[in-house]
Amino acid sequence: MICTPRQAGGNCRLHASYELERGRFSDLVLATSKVAERVDHTRIRGGQIVVQDRGLARVHNFRAVLEANANFVTRIGWRSVRLLDGNGRLVDVLQKLPAGDKPREHRVWIAGIDTPVRLIIQRLADQRAARQERKRARKSRKQGHQIDPRTSKAAGYLMLLTPYPPGCGRHLRCWHSMLTDGRGTRLQAPENVTVCSKSL
């Protein structure tokens, strides 16, 4: 959010996409604060890998990427998106959590989209999981309510959605390129990967 003087018309929101391979922003769009966050506010190219965080895990964003003949790798929360199995039944993400340290994959459908996607769930390292749980608990206290035990449980896992076919490891490489180094060190990025951020 960009704060401007009241006489200038109110606050603005800057929408941005960032190319990991080149280490730079590739598209910036300035809009009023009334314009909601959407992945297609910035340009989506065919063949692109669009990395999105939970705030952009919405049906219209998934659809926009697929309609542009691009792919997405999106982190989700346990209740971010309605997911269905092959019989059209609602998927309980918490029932799909892996018991061990290896990632677990499931073929699911996003409600409202015909293209099947992969739900990939990876347990976080103990230290990182504990940090995420504390973060969720602080947020709940700040908002004045008790944390949902399911939110606390899900905080220990990385959950991704991607239309990439099984056997393709780029989904995890894309995500780890952006998130694994918390000190801000630039990591080696896969080609043609764009991070679509929430508004800056």
C-alpha atoms as a PDB file:
ATOM      1  CA  MET A   1       0.000   0.000   0.000  1.00  0.00           C
ATOM      2  CA  ILE A   2       1.298   3.469  -0.920  1.00  0.00           C
ATOM      3  CA  CYS A   3       0.017   6.315   1.231  1.00  0.00           C
ATOM      4  CA  THR A   4      -0.715   9.560  -0.610  1.00  0.00           C
ATOM      5  CA  PRO A   5      -2.109  12.910   0.536  1.00  0.00           C
ATOM      6  CA  ARG A   6      -5.874  12.981   0.901  1.00  0.00           C
ATOM      7  CA  GLN A   7      -6.231  15.627  -1.795  1.00  0.00           C
ATOM      8  CA  ALA A   8      -4.400  13.363  -4.242  1.00  0.00           C
ATOM      9  CA  GLY A   9      -7.258  10.877  -4.197  1.00  0.00           C
ATOM     10  CA  GLY A  10      -6.383   8.474  -1.388  1.00  0.00           C
ATOM     11  CA  ASN A  11      -4.046   5.509  -1.059  1.00  0.00           C
ATOM     12  CA  CYS A  12      -2.741   3.414  -3.938  1.00  0.00           C
ATOM     13  CA  ARG A  13      -1.771  -0.236  -4.252  1.00  0.00           C
ATOM     14  CA  LEU A  14       1.258  -1.415  -6.212  1.00  0.00           C
ATOM     15  CA  HIS A  15       0.873  -4.858  -7.839  1.00  0.00           C
ATOM     16  CA  ALA A  16       4.146  -6.541  -8.783  1.00  0.00           C
ATOM     17  CA  SER A  17       5.695  -9.634 -10.341  1.00  0.00           C
ATOM     18  CA  TYR A  18       9.323 -10.596  -9.798  1.00  0.00           C
ATOM     19  CA  GLU A  19      11.476 -12.796 -12.077  1.00  0.00           C
ATOM     20  CA  LEU A  20      13.612 -15.071  -9.923  1.00  0.00           C
ATOM     21  CA  GLU A  21      16.005 -15.965 -12.731  1.00  0.00           C
ATOM     22  CA  ARG A  22      16.859 -12.322 -13.464  1.00  0.00           C
ATOM     23  CA  GLY A  23      16.549 -11.095  -9.902  1.00  0.00           C
ATOM     24  CA  ARG A  24      14.338  -8.148 -10.773  1.00  0.00           C
ATOM     25  CA  PHE A  25      10.757  -6.943 -11.014  1.00  0.00           C
ATOM     26  CA  SER A  26       9.310  -7.535 -14.467  1.00  0.00           C
ATOM     27  CA  ASP A  27       5.932  -5.855 -14.132  1.00  0.00           C
ATOM     28  CA  LEU A  28       4.556  -3.148 -11.862  1.00  0.00           C
ATOM     29  CA  VAL A  29       0.970  -1.875 -11.922  1.00  0.00           C
ATOM     30  CA  LEU A  30      -0.224   1.024  -9.787  1.00  0.00           C
ATOM     31  CA  ALA A  31      -3.931   1.074  -8.934  1.00  0.00           C
ATOM     32  CA  THR A  32      -6.183   2.627  -6.346  1.00  0.00           C
ATOM     33  CA  SER A  33      -6.601   0.883  -3.005  1.00  0.00           C
ATOM     34  CA  LYS A  34     -10.115  -0.131  -4.098  1.00  0.00           C
ATOM     35  CA  VAL A  35      -8.680  -2.521  -6.726  1.00  0.00           C
ATOM     36  CA  ALA A  36      -8.460  -5.976  -5.146  1.00  0.00           C
ATOM     37  CA  GLU A  37      -5.369  -8.154  -5.401  1.00  0.00           C
ATOM     38  CA  ARG A  38      -5.369 -10.422  -8.452  1.00  0.00           C
ATOM     39  CA  VAL A  39      -2.608 -12.317 -10.200  1.00  0.00           C
ATOM     40  CA  ASP A  40      -3.680 -11.033 -13.628  1.00  0.00           C
ATOM     41  CA  HIS A  41      -3.127  -7.388 -12.714  1.00  0.00           C
ATOM     42  CA  THR A  42       0.404  -8.088 -13.931  1.00  0.00           C
ATOM     43  CA  ARG A  43       1.290  -9.778 -17.221  1.00  0.00           C
ATOM     44  CA  ILE A  44       1.199 -13.591 -17.435  1.00  0.00           C
ATOM     45  CA  ARG A  45       3.131 -15.202 -20.287  1.00  0.00           C
ATOM     46  CA  GLY A  46       2.511 -18.629 -21.781  1.00  0.00           C
ATOM     47  CA  GLY A  47       4.894 -21.229 -20.381  1.00  0.00           C
ATOM     48  CA  GLN A  48       5.586 -19.128 -17.310  1.00  0.00           C
ATOM     49  CA  ILE A  49       5.752 -20.622 -13.813  1.00  0.00           C
ATOM     50  CA  VAL A  50       3.804 -18.331 -11.505  1.00  0.00           C
ATOM     51  CA  VAL A  51       4.705 -18.704  -7.820  1.00  0.00           C
ATOM     52  CA  GLN A  52       1.973 -17.440  -5.485  1.00  0.00           C
ATOM     53  CA  ASP A  53       1.621 -17.318  -1.728  1.00  0.00           C
ATOM     54  CA  ARG A  54      -1.511 -18.095   0.278  1.00  0.00           C
ATOM     55  CA  GLY A  55      -3.011 -14.632  -0.141  1.00  0.00           C
ATOM     56  CA  LEU A  56      -3.429 -15.268  -3.878  1.00  0.00           C
ATOM     57  CA  ALA A  57      -4.781 -18.815  -3.523  1.00  0.00           C
ATOM     58  CA  ARG A  58      -8.124 -17.990  -5.124  1.00  0.00           C
ATOM     59  CA  VAL A  59     -10.081 -19.702  -7.902  1.00  0.00           C
ATOM     60  CA  HIS A  60      -9.977 -16.681 -10.238  1.00  0.00           C
ATOM     61  CA  ASN A  61      -6.181 -16.498  -9.886  1.00  0.00           C
ATOM     62  CA  PHE A  62      -5.706 -20.186 -10.684  1.00  0.00           C
ATOM     63  CA  ARG A  63      -8.021 -19.849 -13.668  1.00  0.00           C
ATOM     64  CA  ALA A  64      -6.209 -16.753 -14.979  1.00  0.00           C
ATOM     65  CA  VAL A  65      -2.857 -18.561 -14.962  1.00  0.00           C
ATOM     66  CA  LEU A  66      -4.225 -21.668 -16.692  1.00  0.00           C
ATOM     67  CA  GLU A  67      -6.074 -19.633 -19.327  1.00  0.00           C
ATOM     68  CA  ALA A  68      -2.772 -17.915 -20.153  1.00  0.00           C
ATOM     69  CA  ASN A  69      -1.215 -21.369 -20.812  1.00  0.00           C
ATOM     70  CA  ALA A  70       1.073 -20.908 -17.833  1.00  0.00           C
ATOM     71  CA  ASN A  71       1.644 -23.007 -14.708  1.00  0.00           C
ATOM     72  CA  PHE A  72       1.419 -22.133 -11.050  1.00  0.00           C
ATOM     73  CA  VAL A  73       3.026 -23.246  -7.819  1.00  0.00           C
ATOM     74  CA  THR A  74       0.893 -21.913  -4.976  1.00  0.00           C
ATOM     75  CA  ARG A  75       1.244 -22.298  -1.240  1.00  0.00           C
ATOM     76  CA  ILE A  76      -2.111 -22.812   0.465  1.00  0.00           C
ATOM     77  CA  GLY A  77      -3.477 -23.051   3.972  1.00  0.00           C
ATOM     78  CA  TRP A  78      -5.616 -25.906   5.206  1.00  0.00           C
ATOM     79  CA  ARG A  79      -8.823 -24.020   4.378  1.00  0.00           C
ATOM     80  CA  SER A  80      -7.673 -21.653   1.588  1.00  0.00           C
ATOM     81  CA  VAL A  81      -9.383 -23.475  -1.286  1.00  0.00           C
ATOM     82  CA  ARG A  82     -12.215 -25.982  -1.733  1.00  0.00           C
ATOM     83  CA  LEU A  83     -10.571 -29.120  -3.096  1.00  0.00           C
ATOM     84  CA  LEU A  84     -12.437 -32.120  -4.506  1.00  0.00           C
ATOM     85  CA  ASP A  85     -11.480 -35.730  -5.200  1.00  0.00           C
ATOM     86  CA  GLY A  86     -12.186 -37.634  -8.413  1.00  0.00           C
ATOM     87  CA  ASN A  87     -15.747 -38.330  -7.268  1.00  0.00           C
ATOM     88  CA  GLY A  88     -16.518 -34.696  -6.524  1.00  0.00           C
ATOM     89  CA  ARG A  89     -16.295 -35.127  -2.743  1.00  0.00           C
ATOM     90  CA  LEU A  90     -14.741 -32.452  -0.562  1.00  0.00           C
ATOM     91  CA  VAL A  91     -11.119 -33.171   0.395  1.00  0.00           C
ATOM     92  CA  ASP A  92     -10.106 -32.685   4.028  1.00  0.00           C
ATOM     93  CA  VAL A  93      -6.535 -31.421   3.670  1.00  0.00           C
ATOM     94  CA  LEU A  94      -5.694 -32.216   7.298  1.00  0.00           C
ATOM     95  CA  GLN A  95      -6.480 -35.875   6.653  1.00  0.00           C
ATOM     96  CA  LYS A  96      -3.825 -35.868   3.921  1.00  0.00           C
ATOM     97  CA  LEU A  97      -0.893 -34.778   6.091  1.00  0.00           C
ATOM     98  CA  PRO A  98       2.111 -37.116   5.802  1.00  0.00           C
ATOM     99  CA  ALA A  99       3.107 -39.106   8.871  1.00  0.00           C
ATOM    100  CA  GLY A 100       6.816 -38.960   8.029  1.00  0.00           C
ATOM    101  CA  ASP A 101       9.272 -36.476   6.573  1.00  0.00           C
ATOM    102  CA  LYS A 102       8.752 -37.402   2.925  1.00  0.00           C
ATOM    103  CA  PRO A 103       6.360 -35.258   0.851  1.00  0.00           C
ATOM    104  CA  ARG A 104       2.955 -36.734   0.098  1.00  0.00           C
ATOM    105  CA  GLU A 105       1.049 -36.080  -3.130  1.00  0.00           C
ATOM    106  CA  HIS A 106      -2.641 -36.281  -4.019  1.00  0.00           C
ATOM    107  CA  ARG A 107      -4.515 -35.704  -7.275  1.00  0.00           C
ATOM    108  CA  VAL A 108      -7.311 -33.209  -6.598  1.00  0.00           C
ATOM    109  CA  TRP A 109      -9.524 -30.678  -8.336  1.00  0.00           C
ATOM    110  CA  ILE A 110     -10.045 -27.060  -7.360  1.00  0.00           C
ATOM    111  CA  ALA A 111     -13.792 -26.425  -7.101  1.00  0.00           C
ATOM    112  CA  GLY A 112     -14.818 -24.510 -10.217  1.00  0.00           C
ATOM    113  CA  ILE A 113     -11.838 -25.593 -12.358  1.00  0.00           C
ATOM    114  CA  ASP A 114     -11.807 -28.677 -14.597  1.00  0.00           C
ATOM    115  CA  THR A 115      -8.019 -29.139 -14.715  1.00  0.00           C
ATOM    116  CA  PRO A 116      -6.721 -31.610 -12.102  1.00  0.00           C
ATOM    117  CA  VAL A 117      -3.870 -30.424  -9.897  1.00  0.00           C
ATOM    118  CA  ARG A 118      -1.460 -31.977  -7.440  1.00  0.00           C
ATOM    119  CA  LEU A 119      -1.692 -31.302  -3.741  1.00  0.00           C
ATOM    120  CA  ILE A 120       1.822 -31.705  -2.323  1.00  0.00           C
ATOM    121  CA  ILE A 121       2.354 -31.652   1.432  1.00  0.00           C
ATOM    122  CA  GLN A 122       5.771 -31.608   3.090  1.00  0.00           C
ATOM    123  CA  ARG A 123       6.452 -31.622   6.816  1.00  0.00           C
ATOM    124  CA  LEU A 124       8.606 -28.665   7.877  1.00  0.00           C
ATOM    125  CA  ALA A 125      11.765 -29.110   9.920  1.00  0.00           C
ATOM    126  CA  ASP A 126      11.012 -29.030  13.659  1.00  0.00           C
ATOM    127  CA  GLN A 127      12.573 -25.615  14.235  1.00  0.00           C
ATOM    128  CA  ARG A 128      10.741 -24.021  11.323  1.00  0.00           C
ATOM    129  CA  ALA A 129       7.455 -25.699  12.273  1.00  0.00           C
ATOM    130  CA  ALA A 130       7.726 -24.363  15.833  1.00  0.00           C
ATOM    131  CA  ARG A 131       8.398 -20.881  14.477  1.00  0.00           C
ATOM    132  CA  GLN A 132       5.316 -21.044  12.260  1.00  0.00           C
ATOM    133  CA  GLU A 133       3.149 -22.242  15.149  1.00  0.00           C
ATOM    134  CA  ARG A 134       4.313 -19.331  17.332  1.00  0.00           C
ATOM    135  CA  LYS A 135       3.593 -16.920  14.486  1.00  0.00           C
ATOM    136  CA  ARG A 136       0.033 -18.231  14.104  1.00  0.00           C
ATOM    137  CA  ALA A 137      -0.533 -18.062  17.863  1.00  0.00           C
ATOM    138  CA  ARG A 138       0.672 -14.424  18.022  1.00  0.00           C
ATOM    139  CA  LYS A 139      -1.639 -13.491  15.166  1.00  0.00           C
ATOM    140  CA  SER A 140      -4.623 -15.082  16.933  1.00  0.00           C
ATOM    141  CA  ARG A 141      -3.847 -13.302  20.195  1.00  0.00           C
ATOM    142  CA  LYS A 142      -3.491 -10.004  18.368  1.00  0.00           C
ATOM    143  CA  GLN A 143      -6.911 -10.524  16.779  1.00  0.00           C
ATOM    144  CA  GLY A 144      -8.399 -11.330  20.187  1.00  0.00           C
ATOM    145  CA  HIS A 145      -9.371 -14.960  19.694  1.00  0.00           C
ATOM    146  CA  GLN A 146      -8.040 -18.406  20.503  1.00  0.00           C
ATOM    147  CA  ILE A 147      -6.138 -20.208  17.756  1.00  0.00           C
ATOM    148  CA  ASP A 148      -7.984 -23.047  16.027  1.00  0.00           C
ATOM    149  CA  PRO A 149      -6.130 -26.323  16.869  1.00  0.00           C
ATOM    150  CA  ARG A 150      -6.333 -27.248  13.182  1.00  0.00           C
ATOM    151  CA  THR A 151      -4.476 -24.065  12.234  1.00  0.00           C
ATOM    152  CA  SER A 152      -1.789 -24.876  14.789  1.00  0.00           C
ATOM    153  CA  LYS A 153      -1.449 -28.390  13.384  1.00  0.00           C
ATOM    154  CA  ALA A 154      -1.288 -27.239   9.757  1.00  0.00           C
ATOM    155  CA  ALA A 155       1.410 -24.658  10.588  1.00  0.00           C
ATOM    156  CA  GLY A 156       3.975 -27.458  10.661  1.00  0.00           C
ATOM    157  CA  TYR A 157       3.526 -28.302   6.971  1.00  0.00           C
ATOM    158  CA  LEU A 158       4.196 -26.762   3.581  1.00  0.00           C
ATOM    159  CA  MET A 159       1.159 -27.264   1.300  1.00  0.00           C
ATOM    160  CA  LEU A 160       1.402 -26.617  -2.421  1.00  0.00           C
ATOM    161  CA  LEU A 161      -0.956 -26.797  -5.395  1.00  0.00           C
ATOM    162  CA  THR A 162       0.420 -27.168  -8.920  1.00  0.00           C
ATOM    163  CA  PRO A 163      -0.825 -28.550 -12.253  1.00  0.00           C
ATOM    164  CA  TYR A 164       2.640 -29.982 -12.971  1.00  0.00           C
ATOM    165  CA  PRO A 165       2.542 -33.724 -13.769  1.00  0.00           C
ATOM    166  CA  PRO A 166       3.897 -36.299 -11.295  1.00  0.00           C
ATOM    167  CA  GLY A 167       7.652 -36.799 -11.424  1.00  0.00           C
ATOM    168  CA  CYS A 168       8.356 -33.118 -12.060  1.00  0.00           C
ATOM    169  CA  GLY A 169      10.318 -31.676  -9.167  1.00  0.00           C
ATOM    170  CA  ARG A 170      10.190 -28.052 -10.279  1.00  0.00           C
ATOM    171  CA  HIS A 171       7.351 -27.235  -7.916  1.00  0.00           C
ATOM    172  CA  LEU A 172       9.553 -27.655  -4.843  1.00  0.00           C
ATOM    173  CA  ARG A 173      12.588 -26.016  -6.491  1.00  0.00           C
ATOM    174  CA  CYS A 174      10.449 -22.995  -7.363  1.00  0.00           C
ATOM    175  CA  TRP A 175       9.123 -22.652  -3.870  1.00  0.00           C
ATOM    176  CA  HIS A 176      12.418 -23.272  -2.092  1.00  0.00           C
ATOM    177  CA  SER A 177      14.114 -20.743  -4.372  1.00  0.00           C
ATOM    178  CA  MET A 178      11.932 -18.091  -2.814  1.00  0.00           C
ATOM    179  CA  LEU A 179      11.543 -19.260   0.772  1.00  0.00           C
ATOM    180  CA  THR A 180      14.317 -21.508   2.035  1.00  0.00           C
ATOM    181  CA  ASP A 181      16.863 -18.812   2.870  1.00  0.00           C
ATOM    182  CA  GLY A 182      15.314 -16.503   5.437  1.00  0.00           C
ATOM    183  CA  ARG A 183      18.375 -14.213   5.426  1.00  0.00           C
ATOM    184  CA  GLY A 184      17.546 -12.852   1.977  1.00  0.00           C
ATOM    185  CA  THR A 185      20.433 -14.563   0.187  1.00  0.00           C
ATOM    186  CA  ARG A 186      19.680 -14.923  -3.510  1.00  0.00           C
ATOM    187  CA  LEU A 187      19.378 -18.588  -4.455  1.00  0.00           C
ATOM    188  CA  GLN A 188      19.770 -20.293  -7.807  1.00  0.00           C
ATOM    189  CA  ALA A 189      16.353 -20.065  -9.474  1.00  0.00           C
ATOM    190  CA  PRO A 190      14.777 -22.315 -12.112  1.00  0.00           C
ATOM    191  CA  GLU A 191      14.260 -20.660 -15.488  1.00  0.00           C
ATOM    192  CA  ASN A 192      11.128 -18.723 -16.418  1.00  0.00           C
ATOM    193  CA  VAL A 193       9.843 -18.415 -12.857  1.00  0.00           C
ATOM    194  CA  THR A 194       7.883 -15.349 -11.823  1.00  0.00           C
ATOM    195  CA  VAL A 195       6.776 -14.574  -8.299  1.00  0.00           C
ATOM    196  CA  CYS A 196       3.437 -12.785  -8.206  1.00  0.00           C
ATOM    197  CA  SER A 197       3.361 -10.922  -4.940  1.00  0.00           C
ATOM    198  CA  LYS A 198       0.507  -9.525  -2.988  1.00  0.00           C
ATOM    199  CA  SER A 199       0.363  -5.756  -3.256  1.00  0.00           C
ATOM    200  CA  LEU A 200       3.414  -3.904  -1.978  1.00  0.00           C
END
